[in-house]
């Protein structure tokens, strides 16, 4: 991890082995950290992987290119959707997309055992299934989010629209009505502000039996 730049830079280093892995680690650590303070080092543990024959490795290289493109597209899709969801707080997108944790705390999923299985199919199958599941989860959550967002926008339009079309539940209360009366009926009338004075002058004469000064 380079401390000399604002953007974090990661180097994945494979060093010649000493008698033990720990000796190699200590030698690298001494050369880059103890005296020079060039970097912050973290171990990237890798289990014993199968090597296989050259023919198998060549065949897998083609599959790896396809898988790499698929994984990259899903990662970009997740990042873009996070930016869309956090549209009002885009500065938080970077906080949620840091690579530090994933790289520095990376662990092999031993329960999959794909590194001890046949090289021709199993490794990529596990990776593809995992990334494909992320893609499907994103689609499901995106659909649910878009539905909620659409419902919210509809509610906002109704609340911000004309009184002729919007709900009056938050404006008119029970106390505004004459209830349980045999002779009185409460009517709701929407009057533009510009015509309010005309309404006050004329509403008592619009029909018979209008209660005076009841508006």
N, C-alpha and C. Protein backbone atom coordinates (compact mmCIF):
# COMPACT_ATOMS: atom_id res chain seq x y z
N UNK A 1 0.86 -1.18 0.00
CA UNK A 1 0.00 0.00 0.00
C UNK A 1 0.89 1.23 0.00
N UNK A 2 0.84 2.01 -1.05
CA UNK A 2 1.72 3.15 -1.23
C UNK A 2 1.21 4.34 -0.43
N UNK A 3 2.05 4.89 0.44
CA UNK A 3 1.64 6.02 1.27
C UNK A 3 1.97 7.36 0.63
N UNK A 4 2.67 7.34 -0.48
CA UNK A 4 3.11 8.59 -1.07
C UNK A 4 2.09 9.24 -1.98
N UNK A 5 0.99 8.57 -2.28
CA UNK A 5 -0.02 9.13 -3.16
C UNK A 5 -1.36 9.16 -2.45
N UNK A 6 -2.26 10.00 -2.95
CA UNK A 6 -3.58 10.10 -2.35
C UNK A 6 -4.40 8.85 -2.62
N UNK A 7 -4.26 8.30 -3.83
CA UNK A 7 -4.99 7.09 -4.18
C UNK A 7 -4.21 5.87 -3.71
N UNK A 8 -4.89 4.96 -3.03
CA UNK A 8 -4.23 3.76 -2.54
C UNK A 8 -3.84 2.86 -3.70
N UNK A 9 -2.61 2.39 -3.68
CA UNK A 9 -2.11 1.52 -4.74
C UNK A 9 -1.70 0.19 -4.12
N UNK A 10 -2.17 -0.89 -4.70
CA UNK A 10 -1.88 -2.22 -4.17
C UNK A 10 -0.95 -2.98 -5.11
N UNK A 11 0.03 -3.62 -4.54
CA UNK A 11 0.94 -4.49 -5.29
C UNK A 11 0.80 -5.90 -4.75
N UNK A 12 0.58 -6.86 -5.62
CA UNK A 12 0.57 -8.27 -5.25
C UNK A 12 1.92 -8.85 -5.63
N UNK A 13 2.74 -9.18 -4.64
CA UNK A 13 4.13 -9.56 -4.87
C UNK A 13 4.33 -11.04 -4.57
N UNK A 14 5.01 -11.73 -5.48
CA UNK A 14 5.43 -13.10 -5.26
C UNK A 14 6.95 -13.09 -5.11
N UNK A 15 7.44 -13.42 -3.92
CA UNK A 15 8.87 -13.34 -3.62
C UNK A 15 9.49 -14.73 -3.61
N UNK A 16 10.77 -14.83 -4.01
CA UNK A 16 11.46 -16.13 -3.93
C UNK A 16 11.42 -16.68 -2.52
N UNK A 17 11.17 -17.96 -2.40
CA UNK A 17 10.97 -18.54 -1.09
C UNK A 17 12.25 -18.84 -0.34
N UNK A 18 12.22 -18.57 0.94
CA UNK A 18 13.30 -19.00 1.82
C UNK A 18 12.96 -20.41 2.31
N UNK A 19 13.60 -20.83 3.37
CA UNK A 19 13.32 -22.16 3.89
C UNK A 19 11.88 -22.27 4.38
N UNK A 20 11.37 -21.17 4.91
CA UNK A 20 9.98 -21.14 5.36
C UNK A 20 9.31 -19.87 4.82
N UNK A 21 7.99 -19.91 4.75
CA UNK A 21 7.24 -18.73 4.29
C UNK A 21 7.44 -17.55 5.24
N UNK A 22 7.55 -17.85 6.52
CA UNK A 22 7.73 -16.78 7.51
C UNK A 22 9.05 -16.05 7.30
N UNK A 23 10.10 -16.78 6.95
CA UNK A 23 11.39 -16.15 6.69
C UNK A 23 11.30 -15.22 5.47
N UNK A 24 10.59 -15.66 4.45
CA UNK A 24 10.40 -14.81 3.27
C UNK A 24 9.64 -13.54 3.64
N UNK A 25 8.61 -13.70 4.44
CA UNK A 25 7.80 -12.55 4.88
C UNK A 25 8.64 -11.57 5.68
N UNK A 26 9.43 -12.06 6.61
CA UNK A 26 10.26 -11.18 7.44
C UNK A 26 11.31 -10.45 6.61
N UNK A 27 11.88 -11.13 5.62
CA UNK A 27 12.87 -10.49 4.76
C UNK A 27 12.24 -9.37 3.94
N UNK A 28 11.07 -9.63 3.37
CA UNK A 28 10.36 -8.60 2.60
C UNK A 28 9.94 -7.45 3.49
N UNK A 29 9.46 -7.77 4.67
CA UNK A 29 9.01 -6.76 5.62
C UNK A 29 10.17 -5.85 6.03
N UNK A 30 11.32 -6.45 6.26
CA UNK A 30 12.48 -5.66 6.67
C UNK A 30 12.94 -4.73 5.55
N UNK A 31 12.83 -5.18 4.30
CA UNK A 31 13.32 -4.39 3.17
C UNK A 31 12.39 -3.23 2.82
N UNK A 32 11.11 -3.37 3.13
CA UNK A 32 10.15 -2.36 2.67
C UNK A 32 9.53 -1.53 3.78
N UNK A 33 9.58 -2.01 4.99
CA UNK A 33 8.84 -1.34 6.07
C UNK A 33 9.71 -0.88 7.23
N UNK A 34 10.51 -1.78 7.76
CA UNK A 34 11.23 -1.48 9.00
C UNK A 34 12.17 -0.30 8.86
N UNK A 35 12.88 -0.23 7.73
CA UNK A 35 13.90 0.81 7.57
C UNK A 35 13.47 1.91 6.60
N UNK A 36 12.76 1.55 5.55
CA UNK A 36 12.45 2.52 4.49
C UNK A 36 11.05 3.12 4.60
N UNK A 37 10.17 2.43 5.30
CA UNK A 37 8.77 2.88 5.41
C UNK A 37 8.16 3.12 4.03
N UNK A 38 8.43 2.18 3.14
CA UNK A 38 7.93 2.32 1.76
C UNK A 38 6.48 1.88 1.61
N UNK A 39 6.05 1.00 2.49
CA UNK A 39 4.71 0.45 2.29
C UNK A 39 4.17 -0.14 3.58
N UNK A 40 2.89 -0.46 3.54
CA UNK A 40 2.26 -1.23 4.61
C UNK A 40 1.97 -2.61 4.04
N UNK A 41 2.51 -3.64 4.64
CA UNK A 41 2.43 -4.98 4.07
C UNK A 41 1.37 -5.82 4.76
N UNK A 42 0.71 -6.64 3.99
CA UNK A 42 -0.27 -7.60 4.52
C UNK A 42 -0.08 -8.92 3.80
N UNK A 43 -0.31 -9.99 4.52
CA UNK A 43 -0.16 -11.31 3.91
C UNK A 43 -1.38 -11.63 3.05
N UNK A 44 -1.11 -12.25 1.92
CA UNK A 44 -2.16 -12.70 1.01
C UNK A 44 -2.02 -14.21 0.91
N UNK A 45 -2.73 -14.89 1.78
CA UNK A 45 -2.56 -16.35 1.88
C UNK A 45 -3.19 -17.07 0.70
N UNK A 46 -2.42 -17.97 0.12
CA UNK A 46 -2.90 -18.78 -1.00
C UNK A 46 -2.69 -20.25 -0.65
N UNK A 47 -3.71 -21.07 -0.76
CA UNK A 47 -3.55 -22.50 -0.45
C UNK A 47 -2.76 -23.21 -1.54
N UNK A 48 -2.48 -24.46 -1.33
CA UNK A 48 -1.79 -25.26 -2.35
C UNK A 48 -2.74 -25.52 -3.51
N UNK A 49 -2.45 -24.91 -4.64
CA UNK A 49 -3.32 -25.03 -5.81
C UNK A 49 -2.77 -26.08 -6.77
N UNK A 50 -3.67 -26.71 -7.48
CA UNK A 50 -3.24 -27.66 -8.50
C UNK A 50 -2.66 -26.91 -9.69
N UNK A 51 -1.64 -27.47 -10.28
CA UNK A 51 -1.02 -26.83 -11.44
C UNK A 51 -1.59 -27.41 -12.72
N UNK A 52 -1.68 -28.71 -12.84
CA UNK A 52 -2.23 -29.32 -14.03
C UNK A 52 -1.26 -29.35 -15.19
N UNK A 53 -1.73 -29.90 -16.31
CA UNK A 53 -0.88 -29.97 -17.50
C UNK A 53 -0.95 -28.67 -18.28
N UNK A 54 -0.02 -28.50 -19.18
CA UNK A 54 0.02 -27.29 -19.99
C UNK A 54 -1.23 -27.16 -20.86
N UNK A 55 -1.71 -28.28 -21.40
CA UNK A 55 -2.91 -28.24 -22.25
C UNK A 55 -4.12 -27.74 -21.45
N UNK A 56 -4.24 -28.23 -20.22
CA UNK A 56 -5.37 -27.79 -19.39
C UNK A 56 -5.26 -26.31 -19.07
N UNK A 57 -4.06 -25.86 -18.74
CA UNK A 57 -3.86 -24.45 -18.39
C UNK A 57 -4.14 -23.54 -19.58
N UNK A 58 -3.74 -23.96 -20.78
CA UNK A 58 -4.02 -23.16 -21.98
C UNK A 58 -5.52 -23.07 -22.21
N UNK A 59 -6.21 -24.20 -22.05
CA UNK A 59 -7.66 -24.18 -22.22
C UNK A 59 -8.34 -23.31 -21.19
N UNK A 60 -7.85 -23.36 -19.96
CA UNK A 60 -8.44 -22.55 -18.90
C UNK A 60 -8.20 -21.07 -19.10
N UNK A 61 -7.12 -20.71 -19.78
CA UNK A 61 -6.84 -19.29 -20.00
C UNK A 61 -7.94 -18.63 -20.81
N UNK A 62 -8.51 -19.37 -21.77
CA UNK A 62 -9.62 -18.82 -22.55
C UNK A 62 -10.86 -18.64 -21.68
N UNK A 63 -11.13 -19.65 -20.85
CA UNK A 63 -12.28 -19.55 -19.95
C UNK A 63 -12.09 -18.43 -18.94
N UNK A 64 -10.85 -18.25 -18.51
CA UNK A 64 -10.56 -17.20 -17.53
C UNK A 64 -10.85 -15.83 -18.11
N UNK A 65 -10.53 -15.63 -19.39
CA UNK A 65 -10.80 -14.34 -20.03
C UNK A 65 -12.30 -14.05 -20.07
N UNK A 66 -13.09 -15.07 -20.38
CA UNK A 66 -14.54 -14.89 -20.41
C UNK A 66 -15.08 -14.60 -19.00
N UNK A 67 -14.58 -15.36 -18.04
CA UNK A 67 -15.04 -15.17 -16.67
C UNK A 67 -14.64 -13.80 -16.14
N UNK A 68 -13.44 -13.37 -16.49
CA UNK A 68 -12.96 -12.06 -16.04
C UNK A 68 -13.85 -10.95 -16.57
N UNK A 69 -14.25 -11.05 -17.83
CA UNK A 69 -15.13 -10.03 -18.42
C UNK A 69 -16.49 -10.03 -17.73
N UNK A 70 -17.00 -11.21 -17.41
CA UNK A 70 -18.30 -11.31 -16.73
C UNK A 70 -18.24 -10.71 -15.33
N UNK A 71 -17.19 -11.07 -14.58
CA UNK A 71 -17.04 -10.55 -13.22
C UNK A 71 -16.89 -9.03 -13.25
N UNK A 72 -16.11 -8.53 -14.19
CA UNK A 72 -15.91 -7.07 -14.29
C UNK A 72 -17.23 -6.37 -14.59
N UNK A 73 -18.04 -6.94 -15.47
CA UNK A 73 -19.32 -6.31 -15.81
C UNK A 73 -20.25 -6.26 -14.60
N UNK A 74 -20.25 -7.32 -13.79
CA UNK A 74 -21.11 -7.35 -12.60
C UNK A 74 -20.63 -6.34 -11.57
N UNK A 75 -19.31 -6.27 -11.37
CA UNK A 75 -18.75 -5.31 -10.41
C UNK A 75 -19.09 -3.88 -10.83
N UNK A 76 -18.95 -3.58 -12.11
CA UNK A 76 -19.28 -2.23 -12.59
C UNK A 76 -20.77 -1.94 -12.42
N UNK A 77 -21.59 -2.97 -12.63
CA UNK A 77 -23.03 -2.79 -12.48
C UNK A 77 -23.39 -2.47 -11.02
N UNK A 78 -22.75 -3.19 -10.10
CA UNK A 78 -22.99 -2.94 -8.67
C UNK A 78 -22.55 -1.53 -8.30
N UNK A 79 -21.36 -1.13 -8.77
CA UNK A 79 -20.85 0.20 -8.46
C UNK A 79 -21.75 1.29 -9.04
N UNK A 80 -22.22 1.10 -10.27
CA UNK A 80 -23.08 2.10 -10.90
C UNK A 80 -24.41 2.21 -10.18
N UNK A 81 -24.94 1.06 -9.74
CA UNK A 81 -26.23 1.11 -9.05
C UNK A 81 -26.10 1.76 -7.68
N UNK A 82 -24.97 1.54 -7.03
CA UNK A 82 -24.74 2.22 -5.75
C UNK A 82 -24.70 3.73 -5.96
N UNK A 83 -24.08 4.15 -7.06
CA UNK A 83 -24.03 5.58 -7.36
C UNK A 83 -25.43 6.13 -7.63
N UNK A 84 -26.27 5.34 -8.31
CA UNK A 84 -27.63 5.78 -8.60
C UNK A 84 -28.48 5.86 -7.32
N UNK A 85 -28.34 4.85 -6.47
CA UNK A 85 -29.12 4.82 -5.23
C UNK A 85 -28.71 5.95 -4.29
N UNK A 86 -27.41 6.23 -4.25
CA UNK A 86 -26.90 7.28 -3.37
C UNK A 86 -26.74 8.59 -4.14
N UNK A 87 -27.69 8.88 -5.03
CA UNK A 87 -27.58 10.05 -5.90
C UNK A 87 -27.48 11.35 -5.12
N UNK A 88 -28.10 11.41 -3.94
CA UNK A 88 -28.04 12.62 -3.13
C UNK A 88 -26.84 12.63 -2.19
N UNK A 89 -26.12 11.52 -2.13
CA UNK A 89 -24.94 11.43 -1.25
C UNK A 89 -23.83 10.71 -2.00
N UNK A 90 -23.47 11.24 -3.16
CA UNK A 90 -22.50 10.56 -4.00
C UNK A 90 -21.12 10.47 -3.35
N UNK A 91 -20.87 11.35 -2.38
CA UNK A 91 -19.58 11.27 -1.69
C UNK A 91 -19.47 10.00 -0.87
N UNK A 92 -20.62 9.38 -0.55
CA UNK A 92 -20.60 8.15 0.24
C UNK A 92 -20.33 6.92 -0.62
N UNK A 93 -20.46 7.06 -1.94
CA UNK A 93 -20.22 5.93 -2.81
C UNK A 93 -18.80 5.43 -2.66
N UNK A 94 -17.85 6.35 -2.66
CA UNK A 94 -16.45 5.98 -2.53
C UNK A 94 -16.18 5.29 -1.20
N UNK A 95 -16.88 5.72 -0.15
CA UNK A 95 -16.69 5.11 1.17
C UNK A 95 -17.13 3.65 1.16
N UNK A 96 -18.13 3.33 0.35
CA UNK A 96 -18.67 1.97 0.33
C UNK A 96 -18.02 1.08 -0.72
N UNK A 97 -17.12 1.63 -1.51
CA UNK A 97 -16.49 0.85 -2.57
C UNK A 97 -14.98 0.75 -2.39
N UNK A 98 -14.53 0.80 -1.14
CA UNK A 98 -13.10 0.68 -0.88
C UNK A 98 -12.65 -0.76 -1.07
N UNK A 99 -11.48 -0.91 -1.68
CA UNK A 99 -10.95 -2.25 -1.92
C UNK A 99 -10.14 -2.76 -0.73
N UNK A 100 -9.82 -1.88 0.20
CA UNK A 100 -8.92 -2.25 1.29
C UNK A 100 -9.37 -3.50 2.03
N UNK A 101 -10.61 -3.50 2.49
CA UNK A 101 -11.07 -4.62 3.29
C UNK A 101 -11.05 -5.93 2.53
N UNK A 102 -11.53 -5.91 1.29
CA UNK A 102 -11.57 -7.13 0.51
C UNK A 102 -10.20 -7.70 0.22
N UNK A 103 -9.22 -6.83 -0.01
CA UNK A 103 -7.88 -7.31 -0.33
C UNK A 103 -7.10 -7.70 0.91
N UNK A 104 -7.14 -6.85 1.92
CA UNK A 104 -6.32 -7.09 3.11
C UNK A 104 -6.87 -8.20 3.99
N UNK A 105 -8.17 -8.48 3.86
CA UNK A 105 -8.78 -9.51 4.70
C UNK A 105 -9.26 -10.69 3.87
N UNK A 106 -8.74 -10.82 2.66
CA UNK A 106 -9.19 -11.87 1.75
C UNK A 106 -8.88 -13.24 2.33
N UNK A 107 -9.86 -14.14 2.24
CA UNK A 107 -9.67 -15.51 2.68
C UNK A 107 -10.28 -16.45 1.65
N UNK A 108 -9.61 -17.56 1.44
CA UNK A 108 -10.14 -18.56 0.54
C UNK A 108 -11.29 -19.28 1.22
N UNK A 109 -12.33 -19.55 0.45
CA UNK A 109 -13.49 -20.26 1.01
C UNK A 109 -13.20 -21.76 0.97
N UNK A 110 -12.65 -22.23 2.08
CA UNK A 110 -12.19 -23.62 2.12
C UNK A 110 -13.33 -24.62 1.91
N UNK A 111 -14.56 -24.21 2.27
CA UNK A 111 -15.66 -25.16 2.15
C UNK A 111 -15.96 -25.52 0.70
N UNK A 112 -15.54 -24.65 -0.24
CA UNK A 112 -15.77 -24.97 -1.65
C UNK A 112 -14.80 -26.03 -2.15
N UNK A 113 -13.61 -26.05 -1.61
CA UNK A 113 -12.61 -27.05 -1.97
C UNK A 113 -12.28 -27.05 -3.45
N UNK A 114 -12.54 -25.93 -4.14
CA UNK A 114 -12.31 -25.99 -5.58
C UNK A 114 -10.84 -26.02 -5.93
N UNK A 115 -9.99 -25.59 -5.01
CA UNK A 115 -8.56 -25.60 -5.31
C UNK A 115 -7.96 -27.00 -5.22
N UNK A 116 -8.73 -27.95 -4.72
CA UNK A 116 -8.24 -29.33 -4.67
C UNK A 116 -9.02 -30.23 -5.63
N UNK A 117 -9.85 -29.61 -6.48
CA UNK A 117 -10.68 -30.38 -7.40
C UNK A 117 -10.07 -30.36 -8.79
N UNK A 118 -10.79 -31.00 -9.70
CA UNK A 118 -10.34 -31.04 -11.08
C UNK A 118 -10.24 -29.63 -11.65
N UNK A 119 -9.15 -29.38 -12.37
CA UNK A 119 -8.93 -28.03 -12.88
C UNK A 119 -9.80 -27.69 -14.08
N UNK A 120 -10.32 -28.70 -14.77
CA UNK A 120 -10.96 -28.40 -16.05
C UNK A 120 -12.29 -27.69 -15.93
N UNK A 121 -13.03 -27.87 -14.81
CA UNK A 121 -14.35 -27.24 -14.72
C UNK A 121 -14.64 -26.59 -13.38
N UNK A 122 -14.28 -27.26 -12.30
CA UNK A 122 -14.78 -26.88 -10.98
C UNK A 122 -14.42 -25.47 -10.53
N UNK A 123 -13.16 -25.02 -10.66
CA UNK A 123 -12.82 -23.69 -10.13
C UNK A 123 -13.68 -22.57 -10.71
N UNK A 124 -13.80 -22.53 -12.02
CA UNK A 124 -14.56 -21.46 -12.65
C UNK A 124 -16.05 -21.60 -12.37
N UNK A 125 -16.50 -22.83 -12.18
CA UNK A 125 -17.91 -23.06 -11.90
C UNK A 125 -18.31 -22.41 -10.58
N UNK A 126 -17.47 -22.57 -9.56
CA UNK A 126 -17.76 -21.96 -8.26
C UNK A 126 -17.76 -20.44 -8.36
N UNK A 127 -16.77 -19.91 -9.06
CA UNK A 127 -16.67 -18.45 -9.19
C UNK A 127 -17.87 -17.92 -9.97
N UNK A 128 -18.20 -18.58 -11.08
CA UNK A 128 -19.32 -18.12 -11.90
C UNK A 128 -20.62 -18.16 -11.11
N UNK A 129 -20.84 -19.24 -10.37
CA UNK A 129 -22.08 -19.35 -9.58
C UNK A 129 -22.17 -18.24 -8.55
N UNK A 130 -21.03 -17.96 -7.89
CA UNK A 130 -21.04 -16.91 -6.87
C UNK A 130 -21.34 -15.55 -7.44
N UNK A 131 -20.66 -15.21 -8.55
CA UNK A 131 -20.86 -13.90 -9.16
C UNK A 131 -22.23 -13.81 -9.80
N UNK A 132 -22.69 -14.91 -10.39
CA UNK A 132 -24.02 -14.91 -11.00
C UNK A 132 -25.10 -14.71 -9.94
N UNK A 133 -24.88 -15.26 -8.74
CA UNK A 133 -25.83 -15.06 -7.64
C UNK A 133 -25.87 -13.60 -7.23
N UNK A 134 -24.69 -12.96 -7.20
CA UNK A 134 -24.63 -11.53 -6.89
C UNK A 134 -25.41 -10.73 -7.94
N UNK A 135 -25.26 -11.11 -9.20
CA UNK A 135 -25.96 -10.42 -10.29
C UNK A 135 -27.47 -10.58 -10.14
N UNK A 136 -27.91 -11.79 -9.82
CA UNK A 136 -29.35 -12.03 -9.64
C UNK A 136 -29.90 -11.28 -8.43
N UNK A 137 -29.11 -11.27 -7.34
CA UNK A 137 -29.54 -10.53 -6.14
C UNK A 137 -29.66 -9.04 -6.45
N UNK A 138 -28.71 -8.53 -7.23
CA UNK A 138 -28.75 -7.11 -7.59
C UNK A 138 -30.00 -6.80 -8.40
N UNK A 139 -30.33 -7.66 -9.35
CA UNK A 139 -31.53 -7.45 -10.17
C UNK A 139 -32.79 -7.45 -9.30
N UNK A 140 -32.86 -8.39 -8.35
CA UNK A 140 -34.04 -8.46 -7.49
C UNK A 140 -34.15 -7.23 -6.60
N UNK A 141 -33.03 -6.82 -6.03
CA UNK A 141 -33.06 -5.65 -5.15
C UNK A 141 -33.30 -4.37 -5.94
N UNK A 142 -32.75 -4.32 -7.15
CA UNK A 142 -32.97 -3.15 -7.99
C UNK A 142 -34.44 -3.03 -8.37
N UNK A 143 -35.06 -4.17 -8.66
CA UNK A 143 -36.49 -4.16 -9.00
C UNK A 143 -37.33 -3.69 -7.82
N UNK A 144 -37.02 -4.21 -6.62
CA UNK A 144 -37.76 -3.81 -5.43
C UNK A 144 -37.54 -2.33 -5.13
N UNK A 145 -36.31 -1.87 -5.29
CA UNK A 145 -36.00 -0.45 -5.04
C UNK A 145 -36.73 0.45 -6.03
N UNK A 146 -36.73 0.06 -7.30
CA UNK A 146 -37.40 0.88 -8.32
C UNK A 146 -38.91 0.94 -8.08
N UNK A 147 -39.49 -0.18 -7.62
CA UNK A 147 -40.92 -0.18 -7.30
C UNK A 147 -41.22 0.78 -6.15
N UNK A 148 -40.40 0.71 -5.11
CA UNK A 148 -40.59 1.62 -3.97
C UNK A 148 -40.40 3.07 -4.39
N UNK A 149 -39.38 3.30 -5.21
CA UNK A 149 -39.12 4.66 -5.68
C UNK A 149 -40.28 5.18 -6.51
N UNK A 150 -40.83 4.30 -7.37
CA UNK A 150 -41.97 4.71 -8.19
C UNK A 150 -43.19 5.02 -7.35
N UNK A 151 -43.45 4.18 -6.33
CA UNK A 151 -44.58 4.43 -5.44
C UNK A 151 -44.41 5.75 -4.68
N UNK A 152 -43.19 6.01 -4.24
CA UNK A 152 -42.92 7.25 -3.52
C UNK A 152 -43.13 8.46 -4.42
N UNK A 153 -42.67 8.37 -5.66
CA UNK A 153 -42.86 9.47 -6.59
C UNK A 153 -44.34 9.71 -6.88
N UNK A 154 -45.11 8.63 -6.97
CA UNK A 154 -46.55 8.79 -7.19
C UNK A 154 -47.22 9.49 -6.01
N UNK A 155 -46.81 9.11 -4.79
CA UNK A 155 -47.36 9.76 -3.60
C UNK A 155 -46.98 11.23 -3.55
N UNK A 156 -45.73 11.53 -3.92
CA UNK A 156 -45.28 12.92 -3.91
C UNK A 156 -46.05 13.74 -4.94
N UNK A 157 -46.32 13.14 -6.10
CA UNK A 157 -47.09 13.86 -7.13
C UNK A 157 -48.52 14.12 -6.65
N UNK A 158 -49.09 13.12 -5.98
CA UNK A 158 -50.45 13.31 -5.47
C UNK A 158 -50.50 14.39 -4.41
N UNK A 159 -49.53 14.40 -3.53
CA UNK A 159 -49.51 15.39 -2.45
C UNK A 159 -49.18 16.79 -2.95
N UNK A 160 -48.46 16.85 -4.06
CA UNK A 160 -48.07 18.16 -4.59
C UNK A 160 -49.03 18.65 -5.68
N UNK A 161 -50.00 17.82 -6.05
CA UNK A 161 -50.89 18.18 -7.13
C UNK A 161 -52.03 19.07 -6.69
N UNK A 162 -52.96 19.28 -7.59
CA UNK A 162 -54.12 20.12 -7.32
C UNK A 162 -55.01 19.48 -6.26
N UNK A 163 -55.69 20.32 -5.49
CA UNK A 163 -56.63 19.82 -4.49
C UNK A 163 -57.80 19.08 -5.12
N UNK A 164 -58.01 19.29 -6.41
CA UNK A 164 -59.09 18.60 -7.11
C UNK A 164 -58.79 17.12 -7.28
N UNK A 165 -57.50 16.76 -7.29
CA UNK A 165 -57.11 15.37 -7.55
C UNK A 165 -56.39 14.70 -6.38
N UNK A 166 -55.78 15.45 -5.50
CA UNK A 166 -54.99 14.87 -4.42
C UNK A 166 -55.88 14.50 -3.23
N UNK A 167 -55.34 13.69 -2.36
CA UNK A 167 -56.07 13.31 -1.14
C UNK A 167 -56.15 14.49 -0.19
N UNK A 168 -57.32 14.64 0.45
CA UNK A 168 -57.53 15.73 1.40
C UNK A 168 -57.43 15.25 2.85
N UNK A 169 -56.96 14.02 3.03
CA UNK A 169 -56.94 13.43 4.37
C UNK A 169 -56.06 14.21 5.34
N UNK A 170 -54.98 14.82 4.82
CA UNK A 170 -54.09 15.57 5.70
C UNK A 170 -54.51 17.03 5.87
N UNK A 171 -55.60 17.42 5.21
CA UNK A 171 -56.07 18.81 5.28
C UNK A 171 -57.39 18.91 6.03
N UNK A 172 -58.34 18.05 5.66
CA UNK A 172 -59.68 18.08 6.26
C UNK A 172 -59.73 17.11 7.43
N UNK A 173 -60.20 17.59 8.57
CA UNK A 173 -60.29 16.77 9.77
C UNK A 173 -61.75 16.44 10.09
N UNK A 174 -61.91 15.51 10.97
CA UNK A 174 -63.25 15.11 11.40
C UNK A 174 -64.01 16.28 12.00
N UNK A 175 -63.29 17.15 12.71
CA UNK A 175 -63.92 18.29 13.37
C UNK A 175 -64.49 19.30 12.38
N UNK A 176 -64.08 19.22 11.11
CA UNK A 176 -64.57 20.16 10.10
C UNK A 176 -65.96 19.79 9.58
N UNK A 177 -66.47 18.63 9.96
CA UNK A 177 -67.76 18.16 9.47
C UNK A 177 -68.81 18.22 10.57
N UNK A 178 -70.05 18.44 10.14
CA UNK A 178 -71.20 18.32 11.05
C UNK A 178 -71.71 16.90 10.90
N UNK A 179 -71.53 16.10 11.94
CA UNK A 179 -71.88 14.69 11.87
C UNK A 179 -73.17 14.39 12.63
N UNK A 180 -73.81 13.32 12.25
CA UNK A 180 -75.02 12.83 12.94
C UNK A 180 -76.11 13.89 13.04
N UNK A 181 -76.25 14.67 11.97
CA UNK A 181 -77.31 15.69 11.96
C UNK A 181 -78.37 15.30 10.93
N UNK A 182 -79.62 15.46 11.31
CA UNK A 182 -80.71 15.10 10.40
C UNK A 182 -80.94 16.16 9.34
N UNK A 183 -80.51 17.40 9.61
CA UNK A 183 -80.84 18.51 8.71
C UNK A 183 -79.61 19.15 8.05
N UNK A 184 -78.44 18.91 8.58
CA UNK A 184 -77.25 19.58 8.05
C UNK A 184 -76.34 18.59 7.33
N UNK A 185 -75.82 19.04 6.19
CA UNK A 185 -74.87 18.25 5.41
C UNK A 185 -73.67 19.14 5.10
N UNK A 186 -72.49 18.63 5.36
CA UNK A 186 -71.27 19.40 5.08
C UNK A 186 -70.81 19.10 3.66
N UNK A 187 -70.57 20.15 2.89
CA UNK A 187 -70.07 20.02 1.53
C UNK A 187 -68.66 20.61 1.45
N UNK A 188 -67.82 19.98 0.66
CA UNK A 188 -66.46 20.48 0.45
C UNK A 188 -66.39 21.21 -0.87
N UNK A 189 -65.88 22.41 -0.84
CA UNK A 189 -65.74 23.23 -2.05
C UNK A 189 -64.30 23.74 -2.13
N UNK A 190 -63.69 23.55 -3.28
CA UNK A 190 -62.33 24.04 -3.50
C UNK A 190 -62.41 25.35 -4.26
N UNK A 191 -61.89 26.41 -3.65
CA UNK A 191 -61.97 27.75 -4.23
C UNK A 191 -60.56 28.30 -4.44
N UNK A 192 -60.21 28.73 -5.64
CA UNK A 192 -58.91 29.36 -5.86
C UNK A 192 -58.75 30.61 -5.00
N UNK A 193 -57.54 30.89 -4.57
CA UNK A 193 -57.29 32.05 -3.71
C UNK A 193 -57.77 33.35 -4.34
N UNK A 194 -57.59 33.45 -5.65
CA UNK A 194 -57.97 34.69 -6.33
C UNK A 194 -59.49 34.91 -6.29
N UNK A 195 -60.24 33.84 -6.13
CA UNK A 195 -61.71 33.95 -6.12
C UNK A 195 -62.30 33.84 -4.72
N UNK A 196 -61.46 33.89 -3.70
CA UNK A 196 -61.95 33.68 -2.34
C UNK A 196 -62.96 34.75 -1.92
N UNK A 197 -62.67 36.00 -2.21
CA UNK A 197 -63.58 37.09 -1.81
C UNK A 197 -64.93 36.95 -2.50
N UNK A 198 -64.91 36.57 -3.78
CA UNK A 198 -66.17 36.36 -4.50
C UNK A 198 -66.97 35.22 -3.86
N UNK A 199 -66.26 34.18 -3.47
CA UNK A 199 -66.94 33.04 -2.83
C UNK A 199 -67.61 33.46 -1.53
N UNK A 200 -66.91 34.20 -0.72
CA UNK A 200 -67.47 34.63 0.57
C UNK A 200 -68.73 35.47 0.36
N UNK A 201 -68.73 36.29 -0.68
CA UNK A 201 -69.88 37.16 -0.94
C UNK A 201 -71.08 36.39 -1.49
N UNK A 202 -70.83 35.29 -2.19
CA UNK A 202 -71.90 34.67 -2.95
C UNK A 202 -72.35 33.28 -2.47
N UNK A 203 -71.55 32.60 -1.66
CA UNK A 203 -71.88 31.20 -1.39
C UNK A 203 -73.22 31.03 -0.68
N UNK A 204 -73.65 32.03 0.10
CA UNK A 204 -74.91 31.90 0.83
C UNK A 204 -76.12 31.92 -0.10
N UNK A 205 -75.92 32.41 -1.33
CA UNK A 205 -77.04 32.52 -2.28
C UNK A 205 -76.97 31.47 -3.39
N UNK A 206 -76.02 30.57 -3.32
CA UNK A 206 -75.87 29.58 -4.38
C UNK A 206 -77.00 28.55 -4.37
N UNK A 207 -77.59 28.33 -3.23
CA UNK A 207 -78.69 27.37 -3.12
C UNK A 207 -79.53 27.72 -1.90
N UNK A 208 -80.71 27.14 -1.83
CA UNK A 208 -81.57 27.38 -0.67
C UNK A 208 -81.04 26.66 0.56
N UNK A 209 -81.37 27.17 1.70
CA UNK A 209 -81.07 26.55 2.98
C UNK A 209 -79.57 26.46 3.30
N UNK A 210 -78.78 27.37 2.70
CA UNK A 210 -77.35 27.42 3.06
C UNK A 210 -77.22 28.15 4.38
N UNK A 211 -76.53 27.56 5.32
CA UNK A 211 -76.36 28.19 6.64
C UNK A 211 -75.47 29.43 6.48
N UNK A 212 -75.96 30.60 6.90
CA UNK A 212 -75.15 31.83 6.78
C UNK A 212 -73.85 31.72 7.57
N UNK A 213 -72.82 32.31 7.03
CA UNK A 213 -71.50 32.36 7.67
C UNK A 213 -70.97 30.98 8.07
N UNK A 214 -71.30 30.01 7.28
CA UNK A 214 -70.85 28.64 7.59
C UNK A 214 -69.58 28.25 6.85
N UNK A 215 -69.11 29.11 5.95
CA UNK A 215 -67.91 28.78 5.19
C UNK A 215 -66.67 29.19 5.97
